[in-house]
Amino acid sequence: MLGAMRIIASTFVLACAGLLAASAQAAPSQSGGTGDDMDRLLAEKGLLTQIDQVRQRVTNRASELVVNAMGFLGVPYRRGGNSVETGFDCSGFVRAMYEQSVGLLLPRRAEQQAAATERIDKTELQPGDLVFFNTLRHAFSHVGIYVGDGKFIHSPRPGAEVRVESMGLRYWQSRFDGARRVAAAQAPETAPATVSDTAAAH
């Protein structure tokens, strides 16, 4: 997502530079403002369509991720689990959803996923972003996927199932550790988790 937004930003900067160069060589128009000139320039170069397409792709990928995750509601928690057949722990669930929906292979453990993604403010959360919590007395010990409207989907603990919960609940509010956004450049493939990693993953 970050990569897509960088494309939008660089495209917009190039368009602005072209408009400024044209304006410096031409007399000001008596009708219409700079906004009209910008829209016309962007339209002529087909940039408006390109920007809309990039935005749409980003939105579609986030929507697909969330819809896919919702399809796993009710799958039981299992420590070290990372598939519907075995069940999921929290980080195994997040990893599986990103691999299946977006094609990105995140690290195995929750704290590794936090380190490999971009920190964002809680107010910037969008569907598909990751939310982290301190549930085992150490930072980033639990992770879920934000679905919008202040809610997230996750595999919570032994004896429970994949479910959607509100971040507004006192338990989650007091343990919130931060939000992260996954970008292609920040989610390289990693080696398969070792037995010790899998056992420690939550």
N, C-alpha and C. Protein backbone atom coordinates (compact mmCIF):
# COMPACT_ATOMS: atom_id res chain seq x y z
N MET A 1 0.81 -1.20 0.00
CA MET A 1 0.00 0.00 0.00
C MET A 1 0.86 1.26 0.00
N LEU A 2 1.92 1.22 0.83
CA LEU A 2 2.81 2.38 0.86
C LEU A 2 3.43 2.61 -0.51
N GLY A 3 3.81 1.51 -1.19
CA GLY A 3 4.40 1.64 -2.52
C GLY A 3 3.43 2.29 -3.49
N ALA A 4 2.14 1.91 -3.40
CA ALA A 4 1.15 2.50 -4.29
C ALA A 4 1.00 3.98 -4.04
N MET A 5 0.99 4.38 -2.76
CA MET A 5 0.85 5.80 -2.43
C MET A 5 2.06 6.58 -2.90
N ARG A 6 3.26 5.95 -2.88
CA ARG A 6 4.45 6.64 -3.39
C ARG A 6 4.32 6.89 -4.89
N ILE A 7 3.72 5.92 -5.59
CA ILE A 7 3.50 6.11 -7.03
C ILE A 7 2.60 7.31 -7.27
N ILE A 8 1.52 7.40 -6.47
CA ILE A 8 0.59 8.52 -6.60
C ILE A 8 1.31 9.83 -6.35
N ALA A 9 2.13 9.87 -5.27
CA ALA A 9 2.82 11.11 -4.91
C ALA A 9 3.79 11.54 -6.00
N SER A 10 4.57 10.58 -6.53
CA SER A 10 5.56 10.94 -7.55
C SER A 10 4.87 11.38 -8.84
N THR A 11 3.76 10.74 -9.18
CA THR A 11 3.00 11.13 -10.37
C THR A 11 2.46 12.54 -10.22
N PHE A 12 1.96 12.86 -9.02
CA PHE A 12 1.41 14.18 -8.78
C PHE A 12 2.50 15.25 -8.85
N VAL A 13 3.68 14.95 -8.29
CA VAL A 13 4.79 15.90 -8.33
C VAL A 13 5.20 16.19 -9.77
N LEU A 14 5.30 15.17 -10.59
CA LEU A 14 5.65 15.36 -12.00
C LEU A 14 4.62 16.21 -12.72
N ALA A 15 3.37 15.97 -12.42
CA ALA A 15 2.30 16.74 -13.05
C ALA A 15 2.38 18.21 -12.65
N CYS A 16 2.65 18.45 -11.36
CA CYS A 16 2.78 19.83 -10.87
C CYS A 16 3.95 20.53 -11.55
N ALA A 17 5.06 19.83 -11.69
CA ALA A 17 6.23 20.43 -12.32
C ALA A 17 5.92 20.81 -13.76
N GLY A 18 5.21 19.94 -14.46
CA GLY A 18 4.85 20.24 -15.85
C GLY A 18 3.94 21.44 -15.94
N LEU A 19 2.99 21.55 -15.03
CA LEU A 19 2.07 22.69 -15.04
C LEU A 19 2.80 23.99 -14.75
N LEU A 20 3.71 23.98 -13.79
CA LEU A 20 4.46 25.19 -13.45
C LEU A 20 5.31 25.65 -14.62
N ALA A 21 5.91 24.71 -15.34
CA ALA A 21 6.73 25.06 -16.50
C ALA A 21 5.87 25.69 -17.58
N ALA A 22 4.71 25.14 -17.80
CA ALA A 22 3.81 25.68 -18.82
C ALA A 22 3.31 27.06 -18.42
N SER A 23 3.01 27.23 -17.14
CA SER A 23 2.50 28.52 -16.66
C SER A 23 3.55 29.62 -16.79
N ALA A 24 4.82 29.27 -16.60
CA ALA A 24 5.89 30.26 -16.65
C ALA A 24 6.06 30.81 -18.07
N GLN A 25 5.63 30.07 -19.08
CA GLN A 25 5.84 30.50 -20.46
C GLN A 25 4.58 31.06 -21.10
N ALA A 26 3.46 30.99 -20.42
CA ALA A 26 2.20 31.45 -21.00
C ALA A 26 1.60 32.55 -20.15
N ALA A 27 0.80 33.41 -20.80
CA ALA A 27 0.11 34.47 -20.08
C ALA A 27 -1.01 33.87 -19.26
N PRO A 28 -1.31 34.46 -18.08
CA PRO A 28 -2.38 33.93 -17.24
C PRO A 28 -3.71 33.97 -17.99
N SER A 29 -4.51 32.94 -17.78
CA SER A 29 -5.83 32.89 -18.41
C SER A 29 -6.77 33.81 -17.66
N GLN A 30 -7.68 34.45 -18.39
CA GLN A 30 -8.63 35.34 -17.76
C GLN A 30 -9.81 34.56 -17.16
N SER A 31 -10.01 33.36 -17.64
CA SER A 31 -11.12 32.56 -17.12
C SER A 31 -10.58 31.23 -16.61
N GLY A 32 -11.16 30.78 -15.52
CA GLY A 32 -10.71 29.50 -14.95
C GLY A 32 -9.50 29.71 -14.07
N GLY A 33 -9.35 28.86 -13.07
CA GLY A 33 -8.25 29.00 -12.13
C GLY A 33 -7.20 27.94 -12.34
N THR A 34 -6.22 27.99 -11.43
CA THR A 34 -5.13 27.02 -11.50
C THR A 34 -5.64 25.60 -11.33
N GLY A 35 -6.70 25.46 -10.52
CA GLY A 35 -7.28 24.13 -10.32
C GLY A 35 -7.78 23.55 -11.62
N ASP A 36 -8.43 24.41 -12.44
CA ASP A 36 -8.92 23.94 -13.74
C ASP A 36 -7.75 23.53 -14.64
N ASP A 37 -6.68 24.33 -14.63
CA ASP A 37 -5.50 24.02 -15.44
C ASP A 37 -4.90 22.68 -15.01
N MET A 38 -4.83 22.47 -13.70
CA MET A 38 -4.26 21.23 -13.18
C MET A 38 -5.10 20.03 -13.61
N ASP A 39 -6.41 20.15 -13.47
CA ASP A 39 -7.29 19.05 -13.85
C ASP A 39 -7.16 18.75 -15.34
N ARG A 40 -7.06 19.82 -16.15
CA ARG A 40 -6.96 19.65 -17.60
C ARG A 40 -5.64 18.96 -17.95
N LEU A 41 -4.54 19.39 -17.31
CA LEU A 41 -3.24 18.80 -17.58
C LEU A 41 -3.22 17.32 -17.18
N LEU A 42 -3.75 17.02 -16.00
CA LEU A 42 -3.79 15.64 -15.54
C LEU A 42 -4.63 14.78 -16.48
N ALA A 43 -5.77 15.34 -16.93
CA ALA A 43 -6.66 14.60 -17.82
C ALA A 43 -5.99 14.33 -19.16
N GLU A 44 -5.28 15.36 -19.68
CA GLU A 44 -4.62 15.21 -20.98
C GLU A 44 -3.57 14.10 -20.95
N LYS A 45 -2.88 13.98 -19.86
CA LYS A 45 -1.81 12.98 -19.75
C LYS A 45 -2.33 11.64 -19.23
N GLY A 46 -3.63 11.57 -18.98
CA GLY A 46 -4.21 10.32 -18.49
C GLY A 46 -3.84 9.99 -17.06
N LEU A 47 -3.34 11.01 -16.32
CA LEU A 47 -2.87 10.73 -14.96
C LEU A 47 -4.01 10.54 -13.97
N LEU A 48 -5.13 11.24 -14.21
CA LEU A 48 -6.26 11.07 -13.31
C LEU A 48 -6.73 9.62 -13.31
N THR A 49 -6.78 9.04 -14.48
CA THR A 49 -7.21 7.64 -14.59
C THR A 49 -6.22 6.73 -13.89
N GLN A 50 -4.91 6.99 -14.08
CA GLN A 50 -3.89 6.16 -13.45
C GLN A 50 -3.97 6.24 -11.93
N ILE A 51 -4.15 7.46 -11.40
CA ILE A 51 -4.25 7.66 -9.95
C ILE A 51 -5.46 6.92 -9.40
N ASP A 52 -6.60 7.03 -10.10
CA ASP A 52 -7.81 6.34 -9.66
C ASP A 52 -7.61 4.83 -9.66
N GLN A 53 -6.92 4.33 -10.68
CA GLN A 53 -6.69 2.89 -10.77
C GLN A 53 -5.81 2.39 -9.63
N VAL A 54 -4.76 3.17 -9.29
CA VAL A 54 -3.89 2.78 -8.17
C VAL A 54 -4.68 2.78 -6.87
N ARG A 55 -5.47 3.82 -6.65
CA ARG A 55 -6.28 3.89 -5.43
C ARG A 55 -7.23 2.69 -5.36
N GLN A 56 -7.83 2.36 -6.49
CA GLN A 56 -8.78 1.26 -6.53
C GLN A 56 -8.11 -0.07 -6.22
N ARG A 57 -6.88 -0.26 -6.75
CA ARG A 57 -6.16 -1.50 -6.49
C ARG A 57 -5.84 -1.65 -5.00
N VAL A 58 -5.41 -0.54 -4.38
CA VAL A 58 -5.10 -0.57 -2.95
C VAL A 58 -6.35 -0.92 -2.15
N THR A 59 -7.48 -0.27 -2.49
CA THR A 59 -8.74 -0.52 -1.79
C THR A 59 -9.19 -1.96 -1.99
N ASN A 60 -9.08 -2.46 -3.21
CA ASN A 60 -9.51 -3.82 -3.50
C ASN A 60 -8.71 -4.85 -2.73
N ARG A 61 -7.38 -4.62 -2.63
CA ARG A 61 -6.52 -5.58 -1.92
C ARG A 61 -6.88 -5.61 -0.44
N ALA A 62 -7.12 -4.45 0.16
CA ALA A 62 -7.49 -4.39 1.57
C ALA A 62 -8.85 -5.06 1.79
N SER A 63 -9.80 -4.80 0.89
CA SER A 63 -11.12 -5.40 1.01
C SER A 63 -11.05 -6.92 0.87
N GLU A 64 -10.25 -7.38 -0.09
CA GLU A 64 -10.10 -8.82 -0.30
C GLU A 64 -9.51 -9.49 0.93
N LEU A 65 -8.53 -8.84 1.54
CA LEU A 65 -7.89 -9.37 2.73
C LEU A 65 -8.90 -9.53 3.86
N VAL A 66 -9.69 -8.48 4.09
CA VAL A 66 -10.67 -8.50 5.19
C VAL A 66 -11.76 -9.53 4.92
N VAL A 67 -12.27 -9.56 3.70
CA VAL A 67 -13.31 -10.54 3.35
C VAL A 67 -12.78 -11.96 3.51
N ASN A 68 -11.56 -12.20 3.06
CA ASN A 68 -10.94 -13.51 3.20
C ASN A 68 -10.80 -13.90 4.67
N ALA A 69 -10.35 -12.94 5.49
CA ALA A 69 -10.18 -13.21 6.92
C ALA A 69 -11.51 -13.57 7.57
N MET A 70 -12.58 -12.89 7.17
CA MET A 70 -13.90 -13.16 7.74
C MET A 70 -14.36 -14.58 7.44
N GLY A 71 -13.84 -15.15 6.37
CA GLY A 71 -14.21 -16.51 6.02
C GLY A 71 -13.67 -17.55 6.98
N PHE A 72 -12.77 -17.13 7.88
CA PHE A 72 -12.16 -18.06 8.82
C PHE A 72 -12.71 -17.89 10.24
N LEU A 73 -13.77 -17.12 10.39
CA LEU A 73 -14.41 -16.98 11.69
C LEU A 73 -14.79 -18.37 12.22
N GLY A 74 -14.50 -18.61 13.48
CA GLY A 74 -14.86 -19.89 14.07
C GLY A 74 -13.78 -20.94 14.04
N VAL A 75 -12.68 -20.70 13.30
CA VAL A 75 -11.58 -21.67 13.29
C VAL A 75 -10.91 -21.63 14.67
N PRO A 76 -10.67 -22.77 15.28
CA PRO A 76 -10.13 -22.78 16.65
C PRO A 76 -8.69 -22.29 16.74
N TYR A 77 -8.38 -21.73 17.91
CA TYR A 77 -7.00 -21.33 18.22
C TYR A 77 -6.17 -22.58 18.44
N ARG A 78 -4.94 -22.51 17.93
CA ARG A 78 -3.96 -23.55 18.25
C ARG A 78 -2.58 -22.93 18.24
N ARG A 79 -1.86 -23.07 19.33
CA ARG A 79 -0.51 -22.50 19.41
C ARG A 79 0.37 -23.12 18.33
N GLY A 80 1.01 -22.26 17.54
CA GLY A 80 1.85 -22.73 16.45
C GLY A 80 1.07 -23.04 15.19
N GLY A 81 -0.26 -22.92 15.23
CA GLY A 81 -1.08 -23.24 14.07
C GLY A 81 -1.07 -22.13 13.02
N ASN A 82 -1.08 -22.53 11.74
CA ASN A 82 -1.07 -21.51 10.68
C ASN A 82 -1.90 -21.93 9.47
N SER A 83 -2.90 -22.79 9.70
CA SER A 83 -3.79 -23.17 8.60
C SER A 83 -5.15 -23.54 9.17
N VAL A 84 -6.15 -23.59 8.29
CA VAL A 84 -7.50 -23.94 8.74
C VAL A 84 -7.53 -25.39 9.24
N GLU A 85 -6.65 -26.22 8.70
CA GLU A 85 -6.60 -27.63 9.12
C GLU A 85 -6.05 -27.77 10.53
N THR A 86 -5.05 -26.98 10.86
CA THR A 86 -4.41 -27.10 12.18
C THR A 86 -5.01 -26.14 13.19
N GLY A 87 -5.73 -25.12 12.72
CA GLY A 87 -6.11 -24.01 13.58
C GLY A 87 -5.05 -22.94 13.51
N PHE A 88 -5.30 -21.79 14.13
CA PHE A 88 -4.38 -20.66 14.05
C PHE A 88 -4.02 -20.14 15.44
N ASP A 89 -2.77 -19.70 15.60
CA ASP A 89 -2.49 -18.77 16.68
C ASP A 89 -2.57 -17.37 16.05
N CYS A 90 -2.34 -16.33 16.83
CA CYS A 90 -2.62 -14.98 16.31
C CYS A 90 -1.74 -14.61 15.13
N SER A 91 -0.44 -14.83 15.27
CA SER A 91 0.48 -14.44 14.20
C SER A 91 0.38 -15.38 13.00
N GLY A 92 0.05 -16.66 13.26
CA GLY A 92 -0.15 -17.60 12.18
C GLY A 92 -1.35 -17.22 11.33
N PHE A 93 -2.39 -16.71 11.98
CA PHE A 93 -3.59 -16.25 11.27
C PHE A 93 -3.26 -15.06 10.37
N VAL A 94 -2.58 -14.07 10.94
CA VAL A 94 -2.22 -12.87 10.16
C VAL A 94 -1.33 -13.26 8.98
N ARG A 95 -0.36 -14.09 9.24
CA ARG A 95 0.56 -14.51 8.17
C ARG A 95 -0.18 -15.22 7.04
N ALA A 96 -1.08 -16.13 7.41
CA ALA A 96 -1.84 -16.89 6.41
C ALA A 96 -2.74 -15.97 5.59
N MET A 97 -3.38 -15.00 6.24
CA MET A 97 -4.29 -14.10 5.52
C MET A 97 -3.52 -13.24 4.51
N TYR A 98 -2.36 -12.74 4.91
CA TYR A 98 -1.58 -11.90 3.99
C TYR A 98 -1.01 -12.72 2.84
N GLU A 99 -0.60 -13.95 3.13
CA GLU A 99 -0.05 -14.78 2.07
C GLU A 99 -1.13 -15.16 1.06
N GLN A 100 -2.31 -15.54 1.54
CA GLN A 100 -3.40 -15.97 0.66
C GLN A 100 -4.03 -14.82 -0.10
N SER A 101 -4.19 -13.66 0.55
CA SER A 101 -4.94 -12.56 -0.05
C SER A 101 -4.08 -11.58 -0.84
N VAL A 102 -2.88 -11.31 -0.35
CA VAL A 102 -2.04 -10.27 -0.94
C VAL A 102 -0.77 -10.85 -1.57
N GLY A 103 -0.43 -12.08 -1.20
CA GLY A 103 0.76 -12.69 -1.75
C GLY A 103 2.04 -12.27 -1.06
N LEU A 104 1.94 -11.74 0.16
CA LEU A 104 3.12 -11.34 0.93
C LEU A 104 3.33 -12.32 2.06
N LEU A 105 4.58 -12.72 2.25
CA LEU A 105 4.92 -13.66 3.31
C LEU A 105 5.54 -12.89 4.48
N LEU A 106 4.76 -12.70 5.53
CA LEU A 106 5.22 -11.99 6.72
C LEU A 106 6.03 -12.92 7.61
N PRO A 107 6.84 -12.35 8.50
CA PRO A 107 7.54 -13.18 9.49
C PRO A 107 6.53 -13.97 10.32
N ARG A 108 7.01 -14.95 11.05
CA ARG A 108 6.11 -15.87 11.75
C ARG A 108 5.57 -15.32 13.07
N ARG A 109 6.42 -14.66 13.85
CA ARG A 109 6.02 -14.24 15.18
C ARG A 109 5.48 -12.81 15.20
N ALA A 110 4.61 -12.54 16.18
CA ALA A 110 3.95 -11.23 16.25
C ALA A 110 4.96 -10.08 16.36
N GLU A 111 5.97 -10.22 17.22
CA GLU A 111 6.94 -9.13 17.38
C GLU A 111 7.77 -8.94 16.11
N GLN A 112 8.01 -10.03 15.37
CA GLN A 112 8.73 -9.93 14.10
C GLN A 112 7.87 -9.22 13.05
N GLN A 113 6.57 -9.48 13.07
CA GLN A 113 5.65 -8.81 12.16
C GLN A 113 5.61 -7.31 12.45
N ALA A 114 5.65 -6.95 13.72
CA ALA A 114 5.67 -5.53 14.09
C ALA A 114 6.94 -4.86 13.58
N ALA A 115 8.07 -5.56 13.70
CA ALA A 115 9.35 -4.99 13.28
C ALA A 115 9.45 -4.86 11.77
N ALA A 116 8.71 -5.69 11.03
CA ALA A 116 8.83 -5.72 9.57
C ALA A 116 7.81 -4.83 8.86
N THR A 117 7.02 -4.09 9.61
CA THR A 117 5.96 -3.28 9.01
C THR A 117 6.08 -1.82 9.45
N GLU A 118 5.31 -0.97 8.79
CA GLU A 118 5.42 0.47 8.99
C GLU A 118 4.52 0.95 10.13
N ARG A 119 5.11 1.67 11.08
CA ARG A 119 4.32 2.19 12.20
C ARG A 119 3.40 3.31 11.73
N ILE A 120 2.15 3.27 12.15
CA ILE A 120 1.19 4.33 11.85
C ILE A 120 0.47 4.72 13.13
N ASP A 121 -0.18 5.88 13.09
CA ASP A 121 -0.95 6.31 14.25
C ASP A 121 -2.28 5.57 14.28
N LYS A 122 -2.81 5.40 15.47
CA LYS A 122 -4.10 4.70 15.62
C LYS A 122 -5.20 5.38 14.81
N THR A 123 -5.11 6.70 14.68
CA THR A 123 -6.14 7.44 13.93
C THR A 123 -6.04 7.19 12.42
N GLU A 124 -4.93 6.62 11.96
CA GLU A 124 -4.73 6.36 10.53
C GLU A 124 -5.15 4.96 10.11
N LEU A 125 -5.63 4.16 11.07
CA LEU A 125 -5.97 2.77 10.77
C LEU A 125 -6.96 2.64 9.63
N GLN A 126 -6.67 1.71 8.73
CA GLN A 126 -7.55 1.36 7.62
C GLN A 126 -7.71 -0.15 7.60
N PRO A 127 -8.82 -0.64 7.01
CA PRO A 127 -9.00 -2.10 6.93
C PRO A 127 -7.77 -2.77 6.31
N GLY A 128 -7.33 -3.85 6.94
CA GLY A 128 -6.15 -4.57 6.47
C GLY A 128 -4.89 -4.24 7.24
N ASP A 129 -4.89 -3.13 8.01
CA ASP A 129 -3.73 -2.80 8.84
C ASP A 129 -3.65 -3.77 10.02
N LEU A 130 -2.48 -3.81 10.65
CA LEU A 130 -2.28 -4.70 11.79
C LEU A 130 -2.37 -3.92 13.10
N VAL A 131 -2.94 -4.55 14.11
CA VAL A 131 -3.01 -3.95 15.45
C VAL A 131 -2.35 -4.91 16.43
N PHE A 132 -1.54 -4.35 17.32
CA PHE A 132 -0.74 -5.16 18.24
C PHE A 132 -1.11 -4.86 19.69
N PHE A 133 -0.96 -5.88 20.53
CA PHE A 133 -1.33 -5.76 21.93
C PHE A 133 -0.30 -6.49 22.80
N ASN A 134 -0.20 -6.04 24.05
CA ASN A 134 0.67 -6.67 25.03
C ASN A 134 -0.21 -7.55 25.92
N THR A 135 -0.25 -8.85 25.59
CA THR A 135 -1.10 -9.77 26.35
C THR A 135 -0.29 -10.78 27.17
N LEU A 136 1.02 -10.79 26.95
CA LEU A 136 1.87 -11.76 27.67
C LEU A 136 2.98 -11.06 28.44
N ARG A 137 2.72 -9.82 28.83
CA ARG A 137 3.68 -9.02 29.60
C ARG A 137 4.95 -8.71 28.83
N HIS A 138 4.84 -8.70 27.51
CA HIS A 138 5.95 -8.17 26.70
C HIS A 138 5.36 -7.58 25.42
N ALA A 139 6.04 -6.58 24.89
CA ALA A 139 5.51 -5.81 23.77
C ALA A 139 5.24 -6.69 22.55
N PHE A 140 4.17 -6.33 21.84
CA PHE A 140 3.82 -6.98 20.57
C PHE A 140 3.67 -8.50 20.72
N SER A 141 3.02 -8.92 21.77
CA SER A 141 2.83 -10.36 21.99
C SER A 141 1.54 -10.88 21.36
N HIS A 142 0.70 -9.98 20.85
CA HIS A 142 -0.54 -10.41 20.19
C HIS A 142 -0.81 -9.49 19.00
N VAL A 143 -1.38 -10.06 17.92
CA VAL A 143 -1.63 -9.28 16.71
C VAL A 143 -2.96 -9.68 16.10
N GLY A 144 -3.62 -8.70 15.47
CA GLY A 144 -4.86 -8.95 14.74
C GLY A 144 -4.91 -8.05 13.52
N ILE A 145 -5.95 -8.22 12.71
CA ILE A 145 -6.13 -7.44 11.49
C ILE A 145 -7.31 -6.49 11.67
N TYR A 146 -7.06 -5.20 11.46
CA TYR A 146 -8.11 -4.21 11.59
C TYR A 146 -9.13 -4.37 10.46
N VAL A 147 -10.44 -4.36 10.81
CA VAL A 147 -11.47 -4.54 9.79
C VAL A 147 -12.32 -3.29 9.59
N GLY A 148 -12.06 -2.25 10.39
CA GLY A 148 -12.83 -1.02 10.28
C GLY A 148 -13.79 -0.86 11.44
N ASP A 149 -14.29 0.36 11.62
CA ASP A 149 -15.28 0.67 12.65
C ASP A 149 -14.78 0.31 14.05
N GLY A 150 -13.46 0.46 14.27
CA GLY A 150 -12.90 0.21 15.59
C GLY A 150 -12.83 -1.25 15.98
N LYS A 151 -12.93 -2.15 14.99
CA LYS A 151 -12.94 -3.58 15.29
C LYS A 151 -11.77 -4.29 14.59
N PHE A 152 -11.39 -5.44 15.12
CA PHE A 152 -10.32 -6.23 14.52
C PHE A 152 -10.67 -7.71 14.60
N ILE A 153 -10.09 -8.49 13.69
CA ILE A 153 -10.30 -9.94 13.67
C ILE A 153 -8.99 -10.61 14.07
N HIS A 154 -9.10 -11.64 14.90
CA HIS A 154 -7.88 -12.27 15.42
C HIS A 154 -8.21 -13.66 15.95
N SER A 155 -7.14 -14.41 16.23
CA SER A 155 -7.26 -15.70 16.91
C SER A 155 -6.75 -15.48 18.33
N PRO A 156 -7.65 -15.40 19.30
CA PRO A 156 -7.28 -14.82 20.60
C PRO A 156 -6.46 -15.67 21.55
N ARG A 157 -6.87 -16.91 21.83
CA ARG A 157 -6.19 -17.67 22.89
C ARG A 157 -6.65 -19.13 22.86
N PRO A 158 -5.93 -20.01 23.56
CA PRO A 158 -6.35 -21.42 23.63
C PRO A 158 -7.78 -21.54 24.13
N GLY A 159 -8.55 -22.39 23.48
CA GLY A 159 -9.94 -22.59 23.86
C GLY A 159 -10.91 -21.66 23.17
N ALA A 160 -10.37 -20.68 22.41
CA ALA A 160 -11.22 -19.72 21.70
C ALA A 160 -11.11 -19.95 20.19
N GLU A 161 -11.84 -19.16 19.42
CA GLU A 161 -11.87 -19.28 17.97
C GLU A 161 -11.61 -17.92 17.33
N VAL A 162 -11.27 -17.93 16.05
CA VAL A 162 -11.10 -16.68 15.31
C VAL A 162 -12.39 -15.88 15.41
N ARG A 163 -12.28 -14.61 15.80
CA ARG A 163 -13.48 -13.79 16.00
C ARG A 163 -13.16 -12.31 15.81
N VAL A 164 -14.20 -11.52 15.72
CA VAL A 164 -14.09 -10.06 15.61
C VAL A 164 -14.40 -9.46 16.97
N GLU A 165 -13.55 -8.51 17.39
CA GLU A 165 -13.77 -7.83 18.66
C GLU A 165 -13.56 -6.34 18.51
N SER A 166 -14.11 -5.59 19.44
CA SER A 166 -13.96 -4.14 19.44
C SER A 166 -12.69 -3.73 20.17
N MET A 167 -11.92 -2.85 19.55
CA MET A 167 -10.73 -2.31 20.21
C MET A 167 -11.12 -1.38 21.35
N GLY A 168 -12.40 -1.03 21.41
CA GLY A 168 -12.87 -0.14 22.47
C GLY A 168 -13.09 -0.83 23.80
N LEU A 169 -13.07 -2.16 23.81
CA LEU A 169 -13.21 -2.88 25.08
C LEU A 169 -12.04 -2.53 25.99
N ARG A 170 -12.32 -2.43 27.27
CA ARG A 170 -11.29 -2.00 28.22
C ARG A 170 -10.05 -2.89 28.16
N TYR A 171 -10.27 -4.20 28.02
CA TYR A 171 -9.14 -5.13 27.99
C TYR A 171 -8.18 -4.77 26.86
N TRP A 172 -8.71 -4.55 25.66
CA TRP A 172 -7.85 -4.26 24.50
C TRP A 172 -7.31 -2.84 24.54
N GLN A 173 -8.11 -1.90 25.04
CA GLN A 173 -7.62 -0.52 25.16
C GLN A 173 -6.39 -0.44 26.05
N SER A 174 -6.42 -1.15 27.18
CA SER A 174 -5.32 -1.07 28.14
C SER A 174 -4.07 -1.82 27.67
N ARG A 175 -4.23 -2.67 26.67
CA ARG A 175 -3.09 -3.47 26.20
C ARG A 175 -2.64 -3.10 24.79
N PHE A 176 -3.27 -2.07 24.21
CA PHE A 176 -2.92 -1.68 22.84
C PHE A 176 -1.46 -1.27 22.76
N ASP A 177 -0.74 -1.83 21.77
CA ASP A 177 0.70 -1.63 21.64
C ASP A 177 1.07 -0.83 20.39
N GLY A 178 0.11 -0.60 19.52
CA GLY A 178 0.41 0.17 18.32
C GLY A 178 -0.18 -0.45 17.07
N ALA A 179 -0.16 0.34 16.00
CA ALA A 179 -0.70 -0.07 14.71
C ALA A 179 0.42 -0.09 13.68
N ARG A 180 0.31 -0.97 12.72
CA ARG A 180 1.32 -1.10 11.67
C ARG A 180 0.63 -1.29 10.31
N ARG A 181 1.33 -0.86 9.28
CA ARG A 181 0.82 -1.04 7.91
C ARG A 181 1.82 -1.86 7.11
N VAL A 182 1.32 -2.83 6.38
CA VAL A 182 2.16 -3.72 5.60
C VAL A 182 2.40 -3.12 4.22
N ALA A 183 3.65 -3.06 3.82
CA ALA A 183 4.02 -2.60 2.48
C ALA A 183 4.88 -3.68 1.85
N ALA A 184 4.80 -3.78 0.51
CA ALA A 184 5.54 -4.83 -0.19
C ALA A 184 7.02 -4.77 0.13
N ALA A 185 7.58 -3.55 0.23
CA ALA A 185 9.02 -3.40 0.47
C ALA A 185 9.39 -3.80 1.89
N GLN A 186 8.38 -3.89 2.78
CA GLN A 186 8.67 -4.19 4.18
C GLN A 186 8.22 -5.59 4.57
N ALA A 187 7.85 -6.42 3.59
CA ALA A 187 7.39 -7.75 3.92
C ALA A 187 8.12 -8.80 3.08
N PRO A 188 9.46 -8.87 3.22
CA PRO A 188 10.22 -9.85 2.45
C PRO A 188 9.93 -11.26 2.91
N GLU A 189 10.17 -12.20 2.02
CA GLU A 189 10.01 -13.59 2.42
C GLU A 189 11.06 -13.91 3.48
N THR A 190 10.65 -14.73 4.41
CA THR A 190 11.57 -15.13 5.47
C THR A 190 11.72 -16.64 5.46
N ALA A 191 12.75 -17.11 6.11
CA ALA A 191 12.95 -18.55 6.18
C ALA A 191 11.84 -19.16 7.00
N PRO A 192 11.49 -20.42 6.76
CA PRO A 192 10.45 -21.07 7.56
C PRO A 192 10.77 -21.01 9.04
N ALA A 193 9.71 -20.89 9.84
CA ALA A 193 9.92 -20.79 11.29
C ALA A 193 10.53 -22.07 11.83
N THR A 194 11.42 -21.91 12.78
CA THR A 194 12.01 -23.07 13.43
C THR A 194 11.02 -23.59 14.47
N VAL A 195 11.31 -24.75 15.03
CA VAL A 195 10.43 -25.33 16.04
C VAL A 195 10.30 -24.39 17.22
N SER A 196 11.42 -23.78 17.64
CA SER A 196 11.37 -22.88 18.79
C SER A 196 10.57 -21.63 18.47
N ASP A 197 10.67 -21.11 17.25
CA ASP A 197 9.89 -19.95 16.87
C ASP A 197 8.42 -20.27 16.90
N THR A 198 8.06 -21.42 16.33
CA THR A 198 6.66 -21.80 16.26
C THR A 198 6.09 -22.01 17.64
N ALA A 199 6.86 -22.59 18.52
CA ALA A 199 6.37 -22.84 19.87
C ALA A 199 6.15 -21.55 20.62
N ALA A 200 6.98 -20.54 20.30
CA ALA A 200 6.88 -19.27 21.02
C ALA A 200 5.90 -18.32 20.37
N ALA A 201 5.48 -18.61 19.15
CA ALA A 201 4.59 -17.69 18.45
C ALA A 201 3.24 -17.63 19.14
N HIS A 202 2.63 -16.42 19.11
CA HIS A 202 1.32 -16.27 19.74
C HIS A 202 0.42 -15.50 18.81
